[in-house]
Structure formats: C-alpha cells, structure tokens
C-alpha cells in the first residue's frame, strides 16, 4: 500500500500548523481588509443616495438608511 500525504496526516492526528505571519504581512492583510470595507461602504452610500433620488422623483417617502 502506497502512503499518501492524507494518510500520513491522519495517522499523526494533528492538524498542520501554518507559519505565523510576519508583522508586515499582518499589516498588509489588515490594510487590504480596511480598503475593502471602505469601498463597500462607499458603494452602499452611493446606492442609498440613488434610491433616495429616485424615491423623491416619484413622490415616495424613503428614509435614508445609515451604514454602520
């Protein structure tokens, strides 16, 4: 029987550990997440503004939703 990578890992009964990220890698990941979050908030705000304009155009009352 040929040993494969999965059977060897299962026999050890321990999950493989990932190497810890360096401080620069952590900072890069945090910055990318923050940029994504800011972009999504901007898109949500733009969407809310456009729906508000359309509602006003057709005489509908729509309360502005705040993005938290």
PDB file of N, CA and C in Angstrom:
ATOM      1  N   UNK A   1       0.835  -1.172   0.000  1.00  0.00           N
ATOM      2  CA  UNK A   1       0.000   0.000   0.000  1.00  0.00           C
ATOM      3  C   UNK A   1       0.891   1.250   0.000  1.00  0.00           C
ATOM      4  N   UNK A   2       0.559   2.185  -0.867  1.00  0.00           N
ATOM      5  CA  UNK A   2       1.343   3.394  -1.005  1.00  0.00           C
ATOM      6  C   UNK A   2       0.825   4.436  -0.018  1.00  0.00           C
ATOM      7  N   UNK A   3       1.737   5.030   0.694  1.00  0.00           N
ATOM      8  CA  UNK A   3       1.343   6.073   1.640  1.00  0.00           C
ATOM      9  C   UNK A   3       1.153   7.385   0.888  1.00  0.00           C
ATOM     10  N   UNK A   4       0.069   8.025   1.193  1.00  0.00           N
ATOM     11  CA  UNK A   4      -0.184   9.325   0.588  1.00  0.00           C
ATOM     12  C   UNK A   4      -0.085  10.395   1.655  1.00  0.00           C
ATOM     13  N   UNK A   5      -0.105  11.584   1.240  1.00  0.00           N
ATOM     14  CA  UNK A   5       0.019  12.718   2.149  1.00  0.00           C
ATOM     15  C   UNK A   5      -1.129  12.747   3.164  1.00  0.00           C
ATOM     16  N   UNK A   6      -2.349  12.449   2.698  1.00  0.00           N
ATOM     17  CA  UNK A   6      -3.505  12.499   3.580  1.00  0.00           C
ATOM     18  C   UNK A   6      -3.445  11.418   4.651  1.00  0.00           C
ATOM     19  N   UNK A   7      -3.025  10.200   4.275  1.00  0.00           N
ATOM     20  CA  UNK A   7      -2.981   9.138   5.275  1.00  0.00           C
ATOM     21  C   UNK A   7      -1.911   9.423   6.315  1.00  0.00           C
ATOM     22  N   UNK A   8      -0.813   9.989   5.917  1.00  0.00           N
ATOM     23  CA  UNK A   8       0.236  10.331   6.864  1.00  0.00           C
ATOM     24  C   UNK A   8      -0.263  11.378   7.850  1.00  0.00           C
ATOM     25  N   UNK A   9      -0.987  12.358   7.346  1.00  0.00           N
ATOM     26  CA  UNK A   9      -1.512  13.397   8.220  1.00  0.00           C
ATOM     27  C   UNK A   9      -2.555  12.812   9.166  1.00  0.00           C
ATOM     28  N   UNK A  10      -3.422  11.930   8.678  1.00  0.00           N
ATOM     29  CA  UNK A  10      -4.449  11.314   9.515  1.00  0.00           C
ATOM     30  C   UNK A  10      -3.823  10.452  10.604  1.00  0.00           C
ATOM     31  N   UNK A  11      -2.741   9.763  10.300  1.00  0.00           N
ATOM     32  CA  UNK A  11      -2.099   8.913  11.284  1.00  0.00           C
ATOM     33  C   UNK A  11      -1.497   9.718  12.424  1.00  0.00           C
ATOM     34  N   UNK A  12      -1.056  10.927  12.132  1.00  0.00           N
ATOM     35  CA  UNK A  12      -0.453  11.774  13.157  1.00  0.00           C
ATOM     36  C   UNK A  12      -1.502  12.385  14.077  1.00  0.00           C
ATOM     37  N   UNK A  13      -2.744  12.447  13.627  1.00  0.00           N
ATOM     38  CA  UNK A  13      -3.853  13.022  14.394  1.00  0.00           C
ATOM     39  C   UNK A  13      -3.590  14.452  14.850  1.00  0.00           C
ATOM     40  N   UNK A  14      -2.847  15.184  14.095  1.00  0.00           N
ATOM     41  CA  UNK A  14      -2.641  16.592  14.438  1.00  0.00           C
ATOM     42  C   UNK A  14      -2.763  17.412  13.156  1.00  0.00           C
ATOM     43  N   UNK A  15      -3.491  18.514  13.248  1.00  0.00           N
ATOM     44  CA  UNK A  15      -3.613  19.348  12.047  1.00  0.00           C
ATOM     45  C   UNK A  15      -2.288  20.031  11.737  1.00  0.00           C
ATOM     46  N   UNK A  16      -2.110  20.304  10.480  1.00  0.00           N
ATOM     47  CA  UNK A  16      -0.887  21.002  10.083  1.00  0.00           C
ATOM     48  C   UNK A  16      -0.975  22.449  10.529  1.00  0.00           C
ATOM     49  N   UNK A  17       0.087  22.949  11.066  1.00  0.00           N
ATOM     50  CA  UNK A  17       0.123  24.333  11.517  1.00  0.00           C
ATOM     51  C   UNK A  17       0.676  25.208  10.412  1.00  0.00           C
ATOM     52  N   UNK A  18       0.092  26.357  10.290  1.00  0.00           N
ATOM     53  CA  UNK A  18       0.613  27.330   9.329  1.00  0.00           C
ATOM     54  C   UNK A  18       1.689  28.156  10.015  1.00  0.00           C
ATOM     55  N   UNK A  19       2.596  28.620   9.236  1.00  0.00           N
ATOM     56  CA  UNK A  19       3.618  29.506   9.780  1.00  0.00           C
ATOM     57  C   UNK A  19       2.964  30.818  10.181  1.00  0.00           C
ATOM     58  N   UNK A  20       3.428  31.385  11.267  1.00  0.00           N
ATOM     59  CA  UNK A  20       2.882  32.657  11.727  1.00  0.00           C
ATOM     60  C   UNK A  20       3.223  33.753  10.717  1.00  0.00           C
ATOM     61  N   UNK A  21       2.294  34.674  10.546  1.00  0.00           N
ATOM     62  CA  UNK A  21       2.542  35.781   9.625  1.00  0.00           C
ATOM     63  C   UNK A  21       3.506  36.769  10.258  1.00  0.00           C
ATOM     64  N   UNK A  22       4.296  37.380   9.421  1.00  0.00           N
ATOM     65  CA  UNK A  22       5.182  38.429   9.915  1.00  0.00           C
ATOM     66  C   UNK A  22       4.356  39.684  10.158  1.00  0.00           C
ATOM     67  N   UNK A  23       4.928  40.629  10.875  1.00  0.00           N
ATOM     68  CA  UNK A  23       4.215  41.873  11.160  1.00  0.00           C
ATOM     69  C   UNK A  23       3.864  42.625   9.879  1.00  0.00           C
ATOM     70  N   UNK A  24       4.762  42.595   8.899  1.00  0.00           N
ATOM     71  CA  UNK A  24       4.477  43.301   7.646  1.00  0.00           C
ATOM     72  C   UNK A  24       3.340  42.601   6.883  1.00  0.00           C
ATOM     73  N   UNK A  25       3.284  41.272   6.949  1.00  0.00           N
ATOM     74  CA  UNK A  25       2.205  40.549   6.296  1.00  0.00           C
ATOM     75  C   UNK A  25       0.868  40.828   6.986  1.00  0.00           C
ATOM     76  N   UNK A  26       0.894  40.882   8.314  1.00  0.00           N
ATOM     77  CA  UNK A  26      -0.322  41.201   9.066  1.00  0.00           C
ATOM     78  C   UNK A  26      -0.812  42.597   8.704  1.00  0.00           C
ATOM     79  N   UNK A  27       0.108  43.545   8.651  1.00  0.00           N
ATOM     80  CA  UNK A  27      -0.262  44.922   8.322  1.00  0.00           C
ATOM     81  C   UNK A  27      -0.839  45.002   6.917  1.00  0.00           C
ATOM     82  N   UNK A  28      -0.262  44.249   5.986  1.00  0.00           N
ATOM     83  CA  UNK A  28      -0.753  44.238   4.607  1.00  0.00           C
ATOM     84  C   UNK A  28      -2.168  43.674   4.548  1.00  0.00           C
ATOM     85  N   UNK A  29      -2.430  42.582   5.256  1.00  0.00           N
ATOM     86  CA  UNK A  29      -3.757  41.972   5.282  1.00  0.00           C
ATOM     87  C   UNK A  29      -4.775  42.911   5.924  1.00  0.00           C
ATOM     88  N   UNK A  30      -4.376  43.548   7.022  1.00  0.00           N
ATOM     89  CA  UNK A  30      -5.276  44.482   7.696  1.00  0.00           C
ATOM     90  C   UNK A  30      -5.610  45.667   6.797  1.00  0.00           C
ATOM     91  N   UNK A  31      -4.615  46.171   6.067  1.00  0.00           N
ATOM     92  CA  UNK A  31      -4.838  47.307   5.176  1.00  0.00           C
ATOM     93  C   UNK A  31      -5.763  46.918   4.024  1.00  0.00           C
ATOM     94  N   UNK A  32      -5.559  45.737   3.454  1.00  0.00           N
ATOM     95  CA  UNK A  32      -6.431  45.263   2.367  1.00  0.00           C
ATOM     96  C   UNK A  32      -7.871  45.118   2.850  1.00  0.00           C
ATOM     97  N   UNK A  33      -8.058  44.589   4.076  1.00  0.00           N
ATOM     98  CA  UNK A  33      -9.391  44.431   4.635  1.00  0.00           C
ATOM     99  C   UNK A  33     -10.035  45.790   4.855  1.00  0.00           C
ATOM    100  N   UNK A  34      -9.272  46.743   5.389  1.00  0.00           N
ATOM    101  CA  UNK A  34      -9.801  48.080   5.634  1.00  0.00           C
ATOM    102  C   UNK A  34     -10.181  48.762   4.318  1.00  0.00           C
ATOM    103  N   UNK A  35      -9.365  48.613   3.291  1.00  0.00           N
ATOM    104  CA  UNK A  35      -9.668  49.192   1.981  1.00  0.00           C
ATOM    105  C   UNK A  35     -10.945  48.587   1.399  1.00  0.00           C
ATOM    106  N   UNK A  36     -11.093  47.275   1.528  1.00  0.00           N
ATOM    107  CA  UNK A  36     -12.301  46.612   1.041  1.00  0.00           C
ATOM    108  C   UNK A  36     -13.522  47.114   1.785  1.00  0.00           C
ATOM    109  N   UNK A  37     -13.399  47.233   3.094  1.00  0.00           N
ATOM    110  CA  UNK A  37     -14.515  47.709   3.913  1.00  0.00           C
ATOM    111  C   UNK A  37     -14.908  49.136   3.522  1.00  0.00           C
ATOM    112  N   UNK A  38     -13.924  49.980   3.297  1.00  0.00           N
ATOM    113  CA  UNK A  38     -14.199  51.364   2.884  1.00  0.00           C
ATOM    114  C   UNK A  38     -14.865  51.419   1.513  1.00  0.00           C
ATOM    115  N   UNK A  39     -14.410  50.592   0.589  1.00  0.00           N
ATOM    116  CA  UNK A  39     -15.009  50.556  -0.744  1.00  0.00           C
ATOM    117  C   UNK A  39     -16.461  50.097  -0.684  1.00  0.00           C
ATOM    118  N   UNK A  40     -16.729  49.077   0.119  1.00  0.00           N
ATOM    119  CA  UNK A  40     -18.102  48.590   0.251  1.00  0.00           C
ATOM    120  C   UNK A  40     -19.012  49.636   0.885  1.00  0.00           C
ATOM    121  N   UNK A  41     -18.506  50.347   1.863  1.00  0.00           N
ATOM    122  CA  UNK A  41     -19.291  51.415   2.493  1.00  0.00           C
ATOM    123  C   UNK A  41     -19.597  52.508   1.484  1.00  0.00           C
ATOM    124  N   UNK A  42     -18.618  52.849   0.651  1.00  0.00           N
ATOM    125  CA  UNK A  42     -18.840  53.857  -0.386  1.00  0.00           C
ATOM    126  C   UNK A  42     -19.904  53.435  -1.380  1.00  0.00           C
ATOM    127  N   UNK A  43     -19.880  52.183  -1.766  1.00  0.00           N
ATOM    128  CA  UNK A  43     -20.876  51.661  -2.705  1.00  0.00           C
ATOM    129  C   UNK A  43     -22.258  51.679  -2.065  1.00  0.00           C
ATOM    130  N   UNK A  44     -22.347  51.293  -0.804  1.00  0.00           N
ATOM    131  CA  UNK A  44     -23.633  51.303  -0.103  1.00  0.00           C
ATOM    132  C   UNK A  44     -24.184  52.723  -0.011  1.00  0.00           C
ATOM    133  N   UNK A  45     -23.328  53.665   0.295  1.00  0.00           N
ATOM    134  CA  UNK A  45     -23.772  55.059   0.389  1.00  0.00           C
ATOM    135  C   UNK A  45     -24.259  55.582  -0.962  1.00  0.00           C
ATOM    136  N   UNK A  46     -23.538  55.250  -2.019  1.00  0.00           N
ATOM    137  CA  UNK A  46     -23.941  55.681  -3.358  1.00  0.00           C
ATOM    138  C   UNK A  46     -25.287  55.065  -3.733  1.00  0.00           C
ATOM    139  N   UNK A  47     -25.479  53.802  -3.404  1.00  0.00           N
ATOM    140  CA  UNK A  47     -26.740  53.129  -3.690  1.00  0.00           C
ATOM    141  C   UNK A  47     -27.883  53.795  -2.930  1.00  0.00           C
ATOM    142  N   UNK A  48     -27.656  54.065  -1.647  1.00  0.00           N
ATOM    143  CA  UNK A  48     -28.691  54.714  -0.842  1.00  0.00           C
ATOM    144  C   UNK A  48     -29.043  56.094  -1.376  1.00  0.00           C
ATOM    145  N   UNK A  49     -28.042  56.851  -1.823  1.00  0.00           N
ATOM    146  CA  UNK A  49     -28.295  58.176  -2.387  1.00  0.00           C
ATOM    147  C   UNK A  49     -29.118  58.074  -3.668  1.00  0.00           C
ATOM    148  N   UNK A  50     -28.776  57.105  -4.520  1.00  0.00           N
ATOM    149  CA  UNK A  50     -29.512  56.986  -5.781  1.00  0.00           C
ATOM    150  C   UNK A  50     -30.949  56.528  -5.541  1.00  0.00           C
ATOM    151  N   UNK A  51     -31.168  55.638  -4.589  1.00  0.00           N
ATOM    152  CA  UNK A  51     -32.542  55.216  -4.308  1.00  0.00           C
ATOM    153  C   UNK A  51     -33.346  56.361  -3.704  1.00  0.00           C
ATOM    154  N   UNK A  52     -32.684  57.199  -2.912  1.00  0.00           N
ATOM    155  CA  UNK A  52     -33.362  58.366  -2.336  1.00  0.00           C
ATOM    156  C   UNK A  52     -33.788  59.335  -3.445  1.00  0.00           C
ATOM    157  N   UNK A  53     -32.931  59.555  -4.420  1.00  0.00           N
ATOM    158  CA  UNK A  53     -33.255  60.450  -5.535  1.00  0.00           C
ATOM    159  C   UNK A  53     -34.416  59.897  -6.356  1.00  0.00           C
ATOM    160  N   UNK A  54     -34.409  58.612  -6.616  1.00  0.00           N
ATOM    161  CA  UNK A  54     -35.493  58.001  -7.386  1.00  0.00           C
ATOM    162  C   UNK A  54     -36.805  58.094  -6.614  1.00  0.00           C
ATOM    163  N   UNK A  55     -36.758  57.857  -5.310  1.00  0.00           N
ATOM    164  CA  UNK A  55     -37.965  57.928  -4.483  1.00  0.00           C
ATOM    165  C   UNK A  55     -38.532  59.350  -4.487  1.00  0.00           C
ATOM    166  N   UNK A  56     -37.665  60.336  -4.383  1.00  0.00           N
ATOM    167  CA  UNK A  56     -38.120  61.729  -4.411  1.00  0.00           C
ATOM    168  C   UNK A  56     -38.714  62.080  -5.772  1.00  0.00           C
ATOM    169  N   UNK A  57     -38.115  61.560  -6.829  1.00  0.00           N
ATOM    170  CA  UNK A  57     -38.594  61.840  -8.183  1.00  0.00           C
ATOM    171  C   UNK A  57     -40.027  61.354  -8.371  1.00  0.00           C
ATOM    172  N   UNK A  58     -40.358  60.209  -7.779  1.00  0.00           N
ATOM    173  CA  UNK A  58     -41.682  59.637  -7.954  1.00  0.00           C
ATOM    174  C   UNK A  58     -42.594  59.853  -6.741  1.00  0.00           C
ATOM    175  N   UNK A  59     -42.196  60.759  -5.864  1.00  0.00           N
ATOM    176  CA  UNK A  59     -43.049  61.140  -4.747  1.00  0.00           C
ATOM    177  C   UNK A  59     -43.199  60.082  -3.672  1.00  0.00           C
ATOM    178  N   UNK A  60     -42.219  59.277  -3.504  1.00  0.00           N
ATOM    179  CA  UNK A  60     -42.254  58.254  -2.454  1.00  0.00           C
ATOM    180  C   UNK A  60     -41.386  58.717  -1.296  1.00  0.00           C
ATOM    181  N   UNK A  61     -41.849  58.427  -0.097  1.00  0.00           N
ATOM    182  CA  UNK A  61     -41.080  58.799   1.073  1.00  0.00           C
ATOM    183  C   UNK A  61     -40.214  57.601   1.476  1.00  0.00           C
ATOM    184  N   UNK A  62     -38.921  57.788   1.435  1.00  0.00           N
ATOM    185  CA  UNK A  62     -37.995  56.738   1.837  1.00  0.00           C
ATOM    186  C   UNK A  62     -37.022  57.357   2.815  1.00  0.00           C
ATOM    187  N   UNK A  63     -36.933  56.744   4.005  1.00  0.00           N
ATOM    188  CA  UNK A  63     -35.979  57.240   4.987  1.00  0.00           C
ATOM    189  C   UNK A  63     -34.592  56.778   4.597  1.00  0.00           C
ATOM    190  N   UNK A  64     -33.631  57.675   4.795  1.00  0.00           N
ATOM    191  CA  UNK A  64     -32.255  57.302   4.488  1.00  0.00           C
ATOM    192  C   UNK A  64     -31.780  56.269   5.476  1.00  0.00           C
ATOM    193  N   UNK A  65     -31.113  55.256   4.967  1.00  0.00           N
ATOM    194  CA  UNK A  65     -30.547  54.228   5.832  1.00  0.00           C
ATOM    195  C   UNK A  65     -29.103  54.587   6.129  1.00  0.00           C
ATOM    196  N   UNK A  66     -28.752  54.496   7.373  1.00  0.00           N
ATOM    197  CA  UNK A  66     -27.358  54.784   7.716  1.00  0.00           C
ATOM    198  C   UNK A  66     -26.573  53.492   7.650  1.00  0.00           C
ATOM    199  N   UNK A  67     -25.368  53.609   7.153  1.00  0.00           N
ATOM    200  CA  UNK A  67     -24.478  52.469   7.057  1.00  0.00           C
ATOM    201  C   UNK A  67     -23.564  52.526   8.257  1.00  0.00           C
ATOM    202  N   UNK A  68     -23.551  51.436   9.003  1.00  0.00           N
ATOM    203  CA  UNK A  68     -22.714  51.404  10.217  1.00  0.00           C
ATOM    204  C   UNK A  68     -21.464  50.646   9.969  1.00  0.00           C
TER     205      UNK A  68
END
